[in-house]
Protein backbone atom coordinates (compact mmCIF):
# COMPACT_ATOMS: atom_id res chain seq x y z
CA MET A 1 -42.99 -33.46 -7.12
CA ALA A 2 -43.64 -31.00 -9.92
CA VAL A 3 -41.50 -27.91 -10.32
CA SER A 4 -44.54 -25.80 -9.48
CA ASP A 5 -44.82 -27.66 -6.13
CA VAL A 6 -41.31 -26.65 -5.02
CA PRO A 7 -41.58 -23.78 -2.56
CA VAL A 8 -39.90 -20.59 -3.70
CA ARG A 9 -37.44 -19.39 -1.09
CA SER A 10 -36.29 -15.87 -0.66
CA GLY A 11 -32.64 -14.84 -0.74
CA GLU A 12 -32.81 -14.54 3.04
CA ASP A 13 -33.85 -18.21 3.35
CA ARG A 14 -31.02 -19.37 1.07
CA ARG A 15 -28.47 -17.28 2.97
CA GLY A 16 -29.62 -18.88 6.22
CA GLU A 17 -29.20 -22.33 4.70
CA ARG A 18 -25.65 -21.52 3.52
CA GLU A 19 -24.74 -20.15 6.94
CA ALA A 20 -26.04 -23.27 8.66
CA LEU A 21 -24.12 -25.59 6.32
CA CYS A 22 -20.75 -23.79 6.16
CA PRO A 23 -20.61 -20.82 8.52
CA HIS A 24 -16.80 -20.62 8.46
CA ARG A 25 -16.77 -20.53 4.65
CA LEU A 26 -19.18 -17.62 4.61
CA VAL A 27 -17.07 -15.63 7.07
CA LEU A 28 -13.99 -16.41 4.98
CA GLU A 29 -15.82 -15.01 1.94
CA HIS A 30 -16.63 -11.82 3.86
CA VAL A 31 -13.11 -11.30 5.17
CA THR A 32 -11.37 -12.07 1.87
CA SER A 33 -13.80 -10.32 -0.44
CA ARG A 34 -12.46 -7.56 -2.66
CA TRP A 35 -13.76 -4.79 -0.42
CA GLY A 36 -13.63 -6.70 2.88
CA VAL A 37 -9.84 -6.97 2.73
CA LEU A 38 -9.43 -3.28 1.95
CA VAL A 39 -11.85 -2.19 4.69
CA LEU A 40 -10.08 -4.32 7.29
CA ILE A 41 -6.65 -3.02 6.28
CA ARG A 42 -7.77 0.63 6.34
CA LEU A 43 -9.55 0.30 9.67
CA GLN A 44 -6.44 -1.34 11.09
CA GLU A 45 -4.75 2.07 10.85
CA ARG A 46 -7.46 3.93 12.80
CA PRO A 47 -11.24 4.48 12.93
CA HIS A 48 -12.70 6.15 9.85
CA ARG A 49 -15.89 7.95 8.95
CA PHE A 50 -17.76 6.49 5.98
CA SER A 51 -16.72 9.16 3.48
CA GLU A 52 -13.05 9.10 4.44
CA LEU A 53 -13.02 5.31 4.34
CA ARG A 54 -14.53 5.43 0.86
CA ARG A 55 -11.88 7.93 -0.29
CA ALA A 56 -9.07 5.89 1.30
CA ILE A 57 -10.19 2.70 -0.44
CA GLY A 58 -11.01 4.34 -3.77
CA ARG A 59 -13.21 3.07 -6.61
CA VAL A 60 -15.79 1.49 -4.30
CA SER A 61 -19.43 2.46 -4.71
CA GLU A 62 -21.37 3.77 -1.75
CA LYS A 63 -23.68 0.75 -1.99
CA MET A 64 -20.83 -1.80 -1.95
CA LEU A 65 -19.05 -0.11 0.93
CA THR A 66 -22.31 0.04 2.91
CA GLN A 67 -22.98 -3.65 2.27
CA THR A 68 -19.40 -4.61 3.16
CA LEU A 69 -19.47 -2.64 6.41
CA GLN A 70 -22.85 -4.11 7.39
CA THR A 71 -21.62 -7.63 6.67
CA LEU A 72 -18.42 -7.15 8.66
CA GLU A 73 -20.39 -5.54 11.49
CA ARG A 74 -22.80 -8.51 11.54
CA ASP A 75 -19.82 -10.89 11.73
CA GLY A 76 -18.50 -8.96 14.75
CA LEU A 77 -15.44 -7.57 12.98
CA VAL A 78 -16.44 -3.92 12.63
CA HIS A 79 -17.98 -1.60 15.20
CA ARG A 80 -20.33 1.15 14.00
CA ASP A 81 -20.48 4.12 16.36
CA ALA A 82 -23.33 6.50 15.46
CA LYS A 83 -23.12 9.75 17.40
CA PRO A 84 -26.41 11.56 18.07
CA VAL A 85 -25.30 14.91 16.66
CA ILE A 86 -26.36 17.09 13.75
CA PRO A 87 -25.16 16.45 11.15
CA PRO A 88 -24.98 12.74 11.96
CA ARG A 89 -21.52 11.33 12.60
CA VAL A 90 -20.76 7.63 12.21
CA ASP A 91 -17.34 6.18 12.89
CA TYR A 92 -16.24 2.67 11.95
CA SER A 93 -13.53 0.81 13.82
CA LEU A 94 -12.34 -2.75 14.29
CA THR A 95 -13.41 -4.93 17.17
CA ASP A 96 -10.85 -7.21 18.82
CA LEU A 97 -11.99 -9.96 16.46
CA GLY A 98 -11.70 -7.57 13.53
CA ARG A 99 -8.14 -6.58 14.51
CA GLU A 100 -7.18 -10.25 14.53
CA ALA A 101 -8.72 -10.77 11.07
CA ALA A 102 -7.07 -7.59 9.78
CA GLU A 103 -3.66 -8.87 10.88
CA GLN A 104 -4.21 -12.04 8.87
CA VAL A 105 -5.33 -10.32 5.66
CA SER A 106 -2.57 -7.71 6.04
CA ALA A 107 0.00 -10.49 6.13
CA LEU A 108 -1.46 -11.89 2.91
CA ALA A 109 -1.45 -8.43 1.30
CA LEU A 110 2.21 -7.93 2.26
CA TRP A 111 3.07 -11.35 0.84
CA THR A 112 1.47 -10.41 -2.49
CA GLU A 113 3.51 -7.20 -2.59
CA ARG A 114 6.75 -9.05 -1.83
CA ARG A 115 6.11 -11.86 -4.32
CA MET A 116 4.50 -9.90 -7.17
CA ASP A 117 7.59 -10.17 -9.38
CA ASP A 118 7.49 -13.95 -9.01
CA VAL A 119 3.79 -14.01 -9.86
CA LEU A 120 4.37 -11.88 -12.96
CA THR A 121 7.20 -14.18 -14.06
CA ALA A 122 4.98 -17.23 -13.60
CA ARG A 123 2.15 -15.59 -15.55
CA LYS A 124 4.46 -14.72 -18.42
CA ALA A 125 5.83 -18.29 -18.56
CA TYR A 126 2.31 -19.70 -18.48
CA ASP A 127 1.05 -17.38 -21.22
CA GLU A 128 4.09 -18.09 -23.42
CA ALA A 129 3.60 -21.84 -23.05
CA ARG A 130 -0.05 -21.49 -24.07
CA THR A 131 0.72 -19.55 -27.25
CA LEU A 132 3.11 -22.16 -28.66
């Protein structure tokens, strides 16, 4: 088969293939992504509006936060509550499944805080060994 005969698949098609092959791996990527972890931890405290969630997380673009929230909502971890008022009000909160995931990533975040000195010591030893 020539390269020109290979059907071109859209990003949507490839995503569907990945989900079918390793659905748990994809969810793990969503939950442990840079912004996914921070969203889950913040929403564990209480529901947030988009703008306050963005301020609470810090240094996240509007686009990335929107994508992260949509992904977590699709996975059933985040609930989006759009109120029919003017101006529009949208609140984000965790579902039961999301609370469970948030507990897990919070435990990992606490571990990193507790063990950061050990990690820094290991990094220094590694770097010193590499420069010899």
